[in-house]
Amino acid sequence: MCSQIASAQKEMLQLDEANKYVYYQVVDKQGVAADTLYQRGSYFIKMANFKRRPENVVANAIVTKGKFLVYNGSSVVKKEGGEISYTLSIETKDQKYRYKISDFVFTPYTRDRFDNMVPMPGIEVPIEKLASKYSQKEADNYLSQTGMFCQATSRNLKQYMDKISIARVEEPIKKVVTDKW
């Protein structure tokens, strides 16, 4: 059963026209304007603590970069295997939005002289070429962790996009006029 779950996570990533792994979805949001979806997407980027500021390429589009850790070893003796950097883009239109998580690049970790796990300098492997650089078991493990990360990010993004913004209505401050009777 564990092997079925691992292969299902790997299958969530699709190959695009450039033979690169992507996680891509288009979501319909009936009755919601593009500006509102854009603001909700911006709020998601802000609250998700991405290290870099979003880069607006075109109107109603948000592009940002991030990274997450992947682990290797058994559940008892887990250690950081490396980090995977990615690009998240969110595009909005009236009543729908789409998002794409792509450009996955793996940076392996090694132990430094203080016994800490640190990134290996100068080694970056596109996730599509993991099987040629590492064993098939390690490559499948990293791909399944990438799939689980994309699925979790997708759930979080959908929660932020589904939230109905509550416009704060400020009530005027009641003032007492003392010079008029």
N, C-alpha and C. Protein backbone atom coordinates (compact mmCIF):
# COMPACT_ATOMS: atom_id res chain seq x y z
N MET A 1 0.81 -1.19 0.00
CA MET A 1 0.00 0.00 0.00
C MET A 1 0.86 1.26 0.00
N CYS A 2 1.98 1.22 0.72
CA CYS A 2 2.87 2.39 0.75
C CYS A 2 3.42 2.69 -0.63
N SER A 3 3.71 1.64 -1.41
CA SER A 3 4.24 1.88 -2.74
C SER A 3 3.19 2.51 -3.65
N GLN A 4 1.91 2.16 -3.45
CA GLN A 4 0.85 2.77 -4.25
C GLN A 4 0.72 4.24 -3.92
N ILE A 5 0.83 4.61 -2.63
CA ILE A 5 0.74 6.02 -2.24
C ILE A 5 1.91 6.80 -2.83
N ALA A 6 3.12 6.23 -2.75
CA ALA A 6 4.30 6.92 -3.28
C ALA A 6 4.18 7.12 -4.78
N SER A 7 3.71 6.12 -5.51
CA SER A 7 3.58 6.29 -6.96
C SER A 7 2.45 7.26 -7.29
N ALA A 8 1.43 7.32 -6.46
CA ALA A 8 0.34 8.26 -6.72
C ALA A 8 0.82 9.69 -6.53
N GLN A 9 1.69 9.94 -5.55
CA GLN A 9 2.23 11.28 -5.35
C GLN A 9 3.09 11.69 -6.53
N LYS A 10 3.87 10.75 -7.05
CA LYS A 10 4.73 11.04 -8.19
C LYS A 10 3.90 11.37 -9.42
N GLU A 11 2.75 10.68 -9.58
CA GLU A 11 1.91 10.88 -10.76
C GLU A 11 1.18 12.22 -10.73
N MET A 12 1.14 12.89 -9.57
CA MET A 12 0.49 14.19 -9.51
C MET A 12 1.25 15.22 -10.32
N LEU A 13 2.56 15.04 -10.43
CA LEU A 13 3.36 15.93 -11.24
C LEU A 13 3.22 15.51 -12.70
N GLN A 14 3.00 16.48 -13.56
CA GLN A 14 2.81 16.20 -14.97
C GLN A 14 3.97 16.78 -15.75
N LEU A 15 4.22 16.24 -16.91
CA LEU A 15 5.24 16.80 -17.79
C LEU A 15 4.59 17.80 -18.72
N ASP A 16 5.19 18.97 -18.86
CA ASP A 16 4.64 19.97 -19.78
C ASP A 16 5.27 19.81 -21.16
N GLU A 17 5.02 20.78 -22.02
CA GLU A 17 5.50 20.68 -23.40
C GLU A 17 7.03 20.74 -23.50
N ALA A 18 7.71 21.24 -22.48
CA ALA A 18 9.17 21.29 -22.47
C ALA A 18 9.78 20.11 -21.71
N ASN A 19 8.97 19.08 -21.41
CA ASN A 19 9.39 17.90 -20.65
C ASN A 19 9.93 18.25 -19.27
N LYS A 20 9.28 19.18 -18.62
CA LYS A 20 9.61 19.56 -17.24
C LYS A 20 8.41 19.23 -16.37
N TYR A 21 8.69 18.81 -15.13
CA TYR A 21 7.60 18.51 -14.21
C TYR A 21 6.92 19.79 -13.77
N VAL A 22 5.57 19.76 -13.76
CA VAL A 22 4.77 20.89 -13.28
C VAL A 22 3.59 20.34 -12.50
N TYR A 23 3.07 21.18 -11.61
CA TYR A 23 1.80 20.91 -10.94
C TYR A 23 0.91 22.06 -11.35
N TYR A 24 -0.13 21.78 -12.12
CA TYR A 24 -0.92 22.81 -12.78
C TYR A 24 -2.40 22.54 -12.57
N GLN A 25 -3.14 23.60 -12.22
CA GLN A 25 -4.59 23.47 -12.10
C GLN A 25 -5.27 24.78 -12.49
N VAL A 26 -6.46 24.64 -13.06
CA VAL A 26 -7.34 25.77 -13.35
C VAL A 26 -8.57 25.59 -12.48
N VAL A 27 -8.95 26.65 -11.74
CA VAL A 27 -10.06 26.57 -10.80
C VAL A 27 -11.09 27.63 -11.16
N ASP A 28 -12.34 27.23 -11.27
CA ASP A 28 -13.44 28.17 -11.53
C ASP A 28 -13.95 28.72 -10.21
N LYS A 29 -14.15 30.04 -10.16
CA LYS A 29 -14.72 30.72 -8.98
C LYS A 29 -15.84 31.63 -9.49
N GLN A 30 -17.02 31.09 -9.55
CA GLN A 30 -18.16 31.83 -10.08
C GLN A 30 -18.46 33.05 -9.21
N GLY A 31 -18.68 34.17 -9.87
CA GLY A 31 -19.09 35.39 -9.18
C GLY A 31 -17.96 36.16 -8.51
N VAL A 32 -16.71 35.84 -8.80
CA VAL A 32 -15.59 36.54 -8.18
C VAL A 32 -14.78 37.23 -9.27
N ALA A 33 -14.51 38.52 -9.05
CA ALA A 33 -13.79 39.32 -10.04
C ALA A 33 -12.30 38.99 -10.03
N ALA A 34 -11.63 39.32 -11.12
CA ALA A 34 -10.20 39.04 -11.25
C ALA A 34 -9.39 39.80 -10.21
N ASP A 35 -9.77 41.04 -9.93
CA ASP A 35 -9.04 41.84 -8.94
C ASP A 35 -9.11 41.22 -7.56
N THR A 36 -10.27 40.70 -7.20
CA THR A 36 -10.44 40.06 -5.90
C THR A 36 -9.58 38.80 -5.81
N LEU A 37 -9.58 38.00 -6.86
CA LEU A 37 -8.74 36.80 -6.87
C LEU A 37 -7.26 37.18 -6.81
N TYR A 38 -6.88 38.25 -7.49
CA TYR A 38 -5.50 38.71 -7.46
C TYR A 38 -5.09 39.12 -6.05
N GLN A 39 -5.97 39.86 -5.36
CA GLN A 39 -5.69 40.28 -3.98
C GLN A 39 -5.58 39.08 -3.05
N ARG A 40 -6.44 38.10 -3.22
CA ARG A 40 -6.37 36.89 -2.39
C ARG A 40 -5.09 36.12 -2.66
N GLY A 41 -4.68 36.04 -3.91
CA GLY A 41 -3.42 35.38 -4.25
C GLY A 41 -2.23 36.11 -3.66
N SER A 42 -2.26 37.44 -3.71
CA SER A 42 -1.18 38.24 -3.11
C SER A 42 -1.12 38.02 -1.61
N TYR A 43 -2.28 37.94 -0.99
CA TYR A 43 -2.34 37.70 0.45
C TYR A 43 -1.79 36.31 0.78
N PHE A 44 -2.07 35.32 -0.05
CA PHE A 44 -1.53 33.98 0.16
C PHE A 44 0.00 34.01 0.10
N ILE A 45 0.55 34.69 -0.90
CA ILE A 45 2.01 34.78 -1.04
C ILE A 45 2.61 35.46 0.18
N LYS A 46 1.94 36.51 0.65
CA LYS A 46 2.44 37.24 1.82
C LYS A 46 2.40 36.37 3.07
N MET A 47 1.31 35.63 3.28
CA MET A 47 1.14 34.84 4.49
C MET A 47 1.91 33.51 4.44
N ALA A 48 2.26 33.03 3.27
CA ALA A 48 2.98 31.76 3.16
C ALA A 48 4.47 31.92 3.40
N ASN A 49 4.92 33.14 3.68
CA ASN A 49 6.32 33.42 4.03
C ASN A 49 7.31 33.01 2.94
N PHE A 50 7.04 33.40 1.72
CA PHE A 50 8.00 33.16 0.66
C PHE A 50 9.18 34.09 0.89
N LYS A 51 10.37 33.62 0.60
CA LYS A 51 11.59 34.38 0.89
C LYS A 51 11.75 35.58 -0.05
N ARG A 52 11.28 35.44 -1.24
CA ARG A 52 11.43 36.53 -2.21
C ARG A 52 10.11 37.24 -2.41
N ARG A 53 10.19 38.47 -2.77
CA ARG A 53 8.98 39.23 -3.06
C ARG A 53 8.42 38.77 -4.40
N PRO A 54 7.11 38.85 -4.55
CA PRO A 54 6.52 38.46 -5.84
C PRO A 54 7.00 39.39 -6.95
N GLU A 55 7.18 38.82 -8.11
CA GLU A 55 7.59 39.58 -9.28
C GLU A 55 6.40 39.61 -10.24
N ASN A 56 5.81 40.76 -10.47
CA ASN A 56 4.67 40.86 -11.38
C ASN A 56 5.19 40.98 -12.80
N VAL A 57 4.90 39.98 -13.59
CA VAL A 57 5.33 39.99 -14.97
C VAL A 57 4.29 40.68 -15.84
N VAL A 58 3.04 40.32 -15.67
CA VAL A 58 1.95 40.93 -16.41
C VAL A 58 0.83 41.26 -15.43
N ALA A 59 -0.17 41.97 -15.90
CA ALA A 59 -1.30 42.31 -15.04
C ALA A 59 -2.04 41.03 -14.65
N ASN A 60 -2.53 41.00 -13.42
CA ASN A 60 -3.27 39.87 -12.86
C ASN A 60 -2.46 38.58 -12.82
N ALA A 61 -1.15 38.70 -12.62
CA ALA A 61 -0.30 37.51 -12.48
C ALA A 61 0.71 37.74 -11.37
N ILE A 62 0.93 36.71 -10.58
CA ILE A 62 1.90 36.77 -9.49
C ILE A 62 2.89 35.64 -9.72
N VAL A 63 4.17 35.96 -9.68
CA VAL A 63 5.21 34.95 -9.84
C VAL A 63 6.17 35.10 -8.67
N THR A 64 6.44 34.01 -7.96
CA THR A 64 7.38 34.04 -6.85
C THR A 64 8.14 32.73 -6.80
N LYS A 65 9.23 32.74 -6.06
CA LYS A 65 10.07 31.55 -5.93
C LYS A 65 10.15 31.14 -4.48
N GLY A 66 10.37 29.86 -4.25
CA GLY A 66 10.51 29.35 -2.90
C GLY A 66 11.30 28.06 -2.92
N LYS A 67 11.46 27.46 -1.74
CA LYS A 67 12.16 26.18 -1.63
C LYS A 67 11.64 25.42 -0.43
N PHE A 68 11.81 24.12 -0.46
CA PHE A 68 11.41 23.26 0.64
C PHE A 68 12.41 22.13 0.79
N LEU A 69 12.48 21.55 1.98
CA LEU A 69 13.41 20.47 2.27
C LEU A 69 12.81 19.12 1.90
N VAL A 70 13.66 18.23 1.43
CA VAL A 70 13.28 16.84 1.21
C VAL A 70 14.20 15.98 2.07
N TYR A 71 13.67 14.85 2.51
CA TYR A 71 14.38 13.99 3.45
C TYR A 71 14.62 12.63 2.83
N ASN A 72 15.67 11.96 3.30
CA ASN A 72 15.91 10.58 2.91
C ASN A 72 16.19 9.76 4.16
N GLY A 73 16.14 8.45 4.02
CA GLY A 73 16.30 7.56 5.15
C GLY A 73 14.96 7.04 5.61
N SER A 74 15.00 6.16 6.61
CA SER A 74 13.76 5.60 7.12
C SER A 74 13.09 6.59 8.06
N SER A 75 11.90 6.25 8.51
CA SER A 75 11.15 7.15 9.37
C SER A 75 11.84 7.35 10.72
N VAL A 76 12.66 6.38 11.14
CA VAL A 76 13.36 6.49 12.42
C VAL A 76 14.61 7.34 12.27
N VAL A 77 15.33 7.15 11.18
CA VAL A 77 16.61 7.85 10.98
C VAL A 77 16.48 8.75 9.76
N LYS A 78 15.65 9.77 9.85
CA LYS A 78 15.48 10.70 8.74
C LYS A 78 16.55 11.78 8.82
N LYS A 79 17.03 12.19 7.66
CA LYS A 79 17.94 13.33 7.61
C LYS A 79 17.64 14.11 6.34
N GLU A 80 18.06 15.36 6.34
CA GLU A 80 17.82 16.20 5.18
C GLU A 80 18.64 15.68 4.01
N GLY A 81 17.96 15.41 2.92
CA GLY A 81 18.64 14.95 1.71
C GLY A 81 19.02 16.12 0.83
N GLY A 82 18.26 17.19 0.94
CA GLY A 82 18.52 18.37 0.12
C GLY A 82 17.34 19.31 0.14
N GLU A 83 17.38 20.28 -0.75
CA GLU A 83 16.27 21.20 -0.88
C GLU A 83 15.89 21.29 -2.35
N ILE A 84 14.62 21.57 -2.56
CA ILE A 84 14.11 21.72 -3.92
C ILE A 84 13.56 23.12 -4.05
N SER A 85 14.10 23.87 -4.99
CA SER A 85 13.58 25.21 -5.26
C SER A 85 12.55 25.11 -6.38
N TYR A 86 11.61 26.03 -6.38
CA TYR A 86 10.51 25.98 -7.34
C TYR A 86 10.03 27.39 -7.63
N THR A 87 9.19 27.50 -8.64
CA THR A 87 8.54 28.76 -9.02
C THR A 87 7.04 28.55 -8.95
N LEU A 88 6.35 29.47 -8.30
CA LEU A 88 4.89 29.44 -8.20
C LEU A 88 4.34 30.63 -8.96
N SER A 89 3.45 30.38 -9.90
CA SER A 89 2.80 31.48 -10.61
C SER A 89 1.29 31.32 -10.50
N ILE A 90 0.64 32.44 -10.19
CA ILE A 90 -0.81 32.48 -10.06
C ILE A 90 -1.31 33.53 -11.04
N GLU A 91 -2.22 33.13 -11.93
CA GLU A 91 -2.81 34.05 -12.90
C GLU A 91 -4.31 34.09 -12.67
N THR A 92 -4.89 35.28 -12.72
CA THR A 92 -6.32 35.43 -12.44
C THR A 92 -7.04 36.06 -13.63
N LYS A 93 -8.27 35.62 -13.81
CA LYS A 93 -9.22 36.21 -14.76
C LYS A 93 -10.54 36.29 -14.04
N ASP A 94 -11.51 36.93 -14.65
CA ASP A 94 -12.83 36.98 -14.04
C ASP A 94 -13.38 35.57 -13.90
N GLN A 95 -13.77 35.24 -12.69
CA GLN A 95 -14.43 33.99 -12.33
C GLN A 95 -13.56 32.73 -12.46
N LYS A 96 -12.23 32.89 -12.59
CA LYS A 96 -11.34 31.72 -12.56
C LYS A 96 -9.90 32.17 -12.34
N TYR A 97 -9.13 31.22 -11.88
CA TYR A 97 -7.70 31.44 -11.72
C TYR A 97 -6.97 30.14 -12.01
N ARG A 98 -5.69 30.27 -12.29
CA ARG A 98 -4.87 29.08 -12.48
C ARG A 98 -3.55 29.29 -11.77
N TYR A 99 -2.99 28.19 -11.35
CA TYR A 99 -1.68 28.27 -10.71
C TYR A 99 -0.82 27.13 -11.21
N LYS A 100 0.48 27.40 -11.18
CA LYS A 100 1.43 26.42 -11.69
C LYS A 100 2.66 26.44 -10.78
N ILE A 101 3.03 25.27 -10.30
CA ILE A 101 4.26 25.12 -9.54
C ILE A 101 5.22 24.38 -10.45
N SER A 102 6.36 25.00 -10.76
CA SER A 102 7.25 24.43 -11.77
C SER A 102 8.70 24.79 -11.47
N ASP A 103 9.58 24.49 -12.41
CA ASP A 103 11.01 24.80 -12.32
C ASP A 103 11.64 24.20 -11.07
N PHE A 104 11.41 22.91 -10.84
CA PHE A 104 11.95 22.23 -9.67
C PHE A 104 13.44 21.95 -9.89
N VAL A 105 14.27 22.39 -8.93
CA VAL A 105 15.71 22.15 -8.99
C VAL A 105 16.15 21.62 -7.64
N PHE A 106 16.83 20.48 -7.64
CA PHE A 106 17.29 19.82 -6.42
C PHE A 106 18.71 20.23 -6.10
N THR A 107 18.96 20.62 -4.84
CA THR A 107 20.30 20.91 -4.34
C THR A 107 20.58 19.95 -3.20
N PRO A 108 21.56 19.05 -3.36
CA PRO A 108 21.82 18.06 -2.30
C PRO A 108 22.47 18.71 -1.07
N TYR A 109 22.28 18.07 0.07
CA TYR A 109 22.88 18.52 1.32
C TYR A 109 24.04 17.60 1.69
N THR A 110 24.99 18.16 2.41
CA THR A 110 26.11 17.40 2.95
C THR A 110 26.40 17.91 4.36
N ARG A 111 27.16 17.16 5.10
CA ARG A 111 27.53 17.58 6.45
C ARG A 111 28.75 18.49 6.39
N ASP A 112 28.69 19.57 7.18
CA ASP A 112 29.85 20.44 7.26
C ASP A 112 30.73 20.02 8.44
N ARG A 113 31.76 20.78 8.73
CA ARG A 113 32.69 20.39 9.79
C ARG A 113 32.08 20.47 11.18
N PHE A 114 30.94 21.15 11.31
CA PHE A 114 30.25 21.23 12.60
C PHE A 114 29.11 20.22 12.69
N ASP A 115 29.07 19.28 11.76
CA ASP A 115 28.07 18.22 11.70
C ASP A 115 26.65 18.74 11.42
N ASN A 116 26.56 19.86 10.71
CA ASN A 116 25.26 20.40 10.29
C ASN A 116 25.06 20.05 8.82
N MET A 117 23.79 19.88 8.44
CA MET A 117 23.47 19.63 7.04
C MET A 117 23.37 20.96 6.31
N VAL A 118 24.20 21.13 5.26
CA VAL A 118 24.24 22.38 4.50
C VAL A 118 24.19 22.04 3.00
N PRO A 119 23.71 22.98 2.18
CA PRO A 119 23.67 22.72 0.73
C PRO A 119 25.08 22.58 0.15
N MET A 120 25.23 21.66 -0.79
CA MET A 120 26.51 21.51 -1.49
C MET A 120 26.64 22.67 -2.46
N PRO A 121 27.72 23.42 -2.40
CA PRO A 121 27.86 24.56 -3.29
C PRO A 121 28.08 24.13 -4.75
N GLY A 122 27.38 24.79 -5.64
CA GLY A 122 27.58 24.58 -7.07
C GLY A 122 26.92 23.36 -7.68
N ILE A 123 26.15 22.59 -6.90
CA ILE A 123 25.50 21.41 -7.47
C ILE A 123 23.99 21.63 -7.45
N GLU A 124 23.42 21.73 -8.63
CA GLU A 124 21.97 21.87 -8.79
C GLU A 124 21.53 20.93 -9.90
N VAL A 125 20.57 20.09 -9.58
CA VAL A 125 20.11 19.08 -10.54
C VAL A 125 18.63 19.32 -10.82
N PRO A 126 18.24 19.54 -12.08
CA PRO A 126 16.81 19.61 -12.38
C PRO A 126 16.14 18.30 -11.96
N ILE A 127 14.94 18.41 -11.44
CA ILE A 127 14.28 17.23 -10.88
C ILE A 127 13.99 16.17 -11.96
N GLU A 128 13.94 16.57 -13.20
CA GLU A 128 13.71 15.61 -14.28
C GLU A 128 14.92 14.68 -14.47
N LYS A 129 16.11 15.12 -14.04
CA LYS A 129 17.33 14.33 -14.22
C LYS A 129 17.79 13.64 -12.94
N LEU A 130 16.93 13.59 -11.93
CA LEU A 130 17.31 12.96 -10.67
C LEU A 130 17.65 11.48 -10.84
N ALA A 131 16.90 10.77 -11.67
CA ALA A 131 17.11 9.33 -11.83
C ALA A 131 18.48 9.04 -12.45
N SER A 132 19.02 9.96 -13.23
CA SER A 132 20.34 9.71 -13.83
C SER A 132 21.48 10.03 -12.86
N LYS A 133 21.22 10.87 -11.86
CA LYS A 133 22.27 11.25 -10.91
C LYS A 133 22.23 10.46 -9.61
N TYR A 134 21.03 10.00 -9.22
CA TYR A 134 20.84 9.28 -7.95
C TYR A 134 20.15 7.96 -8.23
N SER A 135 20.05 7.12 -7.22
CA SER A 135 19.39 5.83 -7.40
C SER A 135 17.90 6.05 -7.66
N GLN A 136 17.27 5.06 -8.26
CA GLN A 136 15.85 5.18 -8.59
C GLN A 136 15.02 5.32 -7.32
N LYS A 137 15.42 4.65 -6.25
CA LYS A 137 14.70 4.73 -4.98
C LYS A 137 14.74 6.15 -4.43
N GLU A 138 15.93 6.78 -4.45
CA GLU A 138 16.04 8.16 -3.96
C GLU A 138 15.26 9.13 -4.84
N ALA A 139 15.35 8.94 -6.15
CA ALA A 139 14.64 9.82 -7.08
C ALA A 139 13.14 9.72 -6.88
N ASP A 140 12.61 8.50 -6.72
CA ASP A 140 11.18 8.32 -6.48
C ASP A 140 10.76 8.94 -5.15
N ASN A 141 11.61 8.81 -4.13
CA ASN A 141 11.33 9.40 -2.83
C ASN A 141 11.23 10.92 -2.94
N TYR A 142 12.18 11.55 -3.62
CA TYR A 142 12.17 13.00 -3.77
C TYR A 142 10.98 13.47 -4.61
N LEU A 143 10.65 12.69 -5.65
CA LEU A 143 9.49 13.05 -6.48
C LEU A 143 8.18 12.92 -5.70
N SER A 144 8.07 11.90 -4.86
CA SER A 144 6.83 11.76 -4.08
C SER A 144 6.73 12.87 -3.04
N GLN A 145 7.85 13.27 -2.43
CA GLN A 145 7.81 14.38 -1.48
C GLN A 145 7.47 15.70 -2.19
N THR A 146 7.94 15.85 -3.42
CA THR A 146 7.58 17.03 -4.21
C THR A 146 6.09 17.03 -4.51
N GLY A 147 5.54 15.87 -4.86
CA GLY A 147 4.11 15.76 -5.11
C GLY A 147 3.29 16.09 -3.88
N MET A 148 3.72 15.59 -2.71
CA MET A 148 3.01 15.89 -1.46
C MET A 148 3.08 17.38 -1.13
N PHE A 149 4.25 18.00 -1.37
CA PHE A 149 4.38 19.44 -1.14
C PHE A 149 3.44 20.23 -2.05
N CYS A 150 3.38 19.85 -3.32
CA CYS A 150 2.50 20.55 -4.27
C CYS A 150 1.04 20.40 -3.87
N GLN A 151 0.67 19.22 -3.42
CA GLN A 151 -0.71 18.98 -3.00
C GLN A 151 -1.05 19.83 -1.78
N ALA A 152 -0.15 19.92 -0.80
CA ALA A 152 -0.38 20.73 0.39
C ALA A 152 -0.45 22.21 0.04
N THR A 153 0.43 22.68 -0.84
CA THR A 153 0.40 24.07 -1.27
C THR A 153 -0.89 24.38 -2.00
N SER A 154 -1.36 23.44 -2.80
CA SER A 154 -2.61 23.61 -3.53
C SER A 154 -3.79 23.75 -2.57
N ARG A 155 -3.83 22.90 -1.55
CA ARG A 155 -4.91 23.01 -0.55
C ARG A 155 -4.88 24.36 0.16
N ASN A 156 -3.68 24.80 0.54
CA ASN A 156 -3.57 26.10 1.23
C ASN A 156 -4.00 27.25 0.33
N LEU A 157 -3.57 27.21 -0.93
CA LEU A 157 -3.94 28.27 -1.86
C LEU A 157 -5.44 28.30 -2.07
N LYS A 158 -6.07 27.14 -2.21
CA LYS A 158 -7.52 27.10 -2.40
C LYS A 158 -8.25 27.66 -1.19
N GLN A 159 -7.74 27.42 0.01
CA GLN A 159 -8.36 27.98 1.21
C GLN A 159 -8.29 29.51 1.18
N TYR A 160 -7.16 30.06 0.79
CA TYR A 160 -7.03 31.52 0.73
C TYR A 160 -7.91 32.09 -0.38
N MET A 161 -8.00 31.39 -1.51
CA MET A 161 -8.81 31.91 -2.62
C MET A 161 -10.30 31.79 -2.34
N ASP A 162 -10.71 30.85 -1.47
CA ASP A 162 -12.12 30.68 -1.14
C ASP A 162 -12.60 31.65 -0.07
N LYS A 163 -11.69 32.24 0.67
CA LYS A 163 -12.10 33.14 1.75
C LYS A 163 -12.83 34.34 1.19
N ILE A 164 -13.90 34.68 1.85
CA ILE A 164 -14.66 35.87 1.46
C ILE A 164 -14.12 37.03 2.27
N SER A 165 -13.62 38.01 1.57
CA SER A 165 -13.07 39.15 2.29
C SER A 165 -14.20 39.96 2.90
N ILE A 166 -14.03 40.28 4.15
CA ILE A 166 -15.04 41.05 4.87
C ILE A 166 -14.60 42.51 4.85
N ALA A 167 -15.36 43.30 4.17
CA ALA A 167 -15.03 44.73 4.11
C ALA A 167 -15.39 45.35 5.45
N ARG A 168 -14.43 46.01 6.01
CA ARG A 168 -14.66 46.65 7.31
C ARG A 168 -15.42 47.94 7.10
N VAL A 169 -16.53 48.01 7.73
CA VAL A 169 -17.33 49.23 7.66
C VAL A 169 -17.03 50.02 8.93
N GLU A 170 -16.42 51.16 8.71
CA GLU A 170 -16.08 51.98 9.86
C GLU A 170 -17.26 52.89 10.18
N GLU A 171 -17.70 52.78 11.39
CA GLU A 171 -18.80 53.63 11.81
C GLU A 171 -18.23 54.98 12.20
N PRO A 172 -18.95 56.04 11.85
CA PRO A 172 -18.44 57.37 12.20
C PRO A 172 -18.42 57.53 13.72
N ILE A 173 -17.41 58.24 14.16
CA ILE A 173 -17.26 58.50 15.59
C ILE A 173 -18.32 59.53 15.98
N LYS A 174 -19.04 59.20 17.02
CA LYS A 174 -20.08 60.11 17.49
C LYS A 174 -19.43 61.24 18.28
N LYS A 175 -19.73 62.42 17.83
CA LYS A 175 -19.18 63.60 18.49
C LYS A 175 -20.31 64.39 19.12
N VAL A 176 -20.02 64.92 20.23
CA VAL A 176 -20.99 65.75 20.94
C VAL A 176 -20.68 67.20 20.64
N VAL A 177 -21.69 67.90 20.16
CA VAL A 177 -21.52 69.32 19.88
C VAL A 177 -21.99 70.09 21.11
N THR A 178 -21.10 70.75 21.76
CA THR A 178 -21.44 71.43 23.01
C THR A 178 -21.77 72.90 22.83
N ASP A 179 -21.44 73.47 21.66
CA ASP A 179 -21.72 74.90 21.49
C ASP A 179 -23.13 75.18 20.97
N LYS A 180 -23.83 74.14 20.53
CA LYS A 180 -25.20 74.33 20.05
C LYS A 180 -26.16 73.61 20.99
N TRP A 181 -27.33 74.27 21.23
CA TRP A 181 -28.32 73.69 22.15
C TRP A 181 -29.33 73.01 21.36
